[in-house]
């Protein structure tokens, strides 16, 4: 077989639709474009909205948003606490030892095992970490967040109904 012998499958190459060839044919006169107007006469750019600011310019360019109420924790696992060999663990102690690098909230996670009972103070605990520390004979103290409660006031509050 040679290149000049190749031809498309029968029925795969259909002839193009012949529009605007008089009023007798199916695609005649207005050729499926309706009557009058910009779209009947010439080409219109994709997304053109007649001079109105188009949708792709009205929408914000950056994706997502920054949640102003995000609470970011530094996570420490209980196997790290066990390796310290201390009886009382606080965020200040972990900063002194260099385990916590920046000032912020501390959350204890439950990876690993704990062998001795220790007193742990942190801003948050996972359920598995809390259970493991209590099972080893230790105590868990949840520290208050430094900013208090940041939720908006409840609806129907006396201050808002003036």
Foldseek 3Di string as FASTA:
>chain_A
DDPVPDDDDPPPDDDDDDACPDDPDPLHDQRPQDDDDDSSPDDDDPQDDPPPDGPVRVDDDDDDDDDPPDADEDEDEVVVVQVVPDQEEEPVVCVVVVNDPDDHFYEYEHPDAHQAAHEYEGQYYDPNNCVRNVVRPYHYHHDAHPVHDPDDDDPPDPVVPD
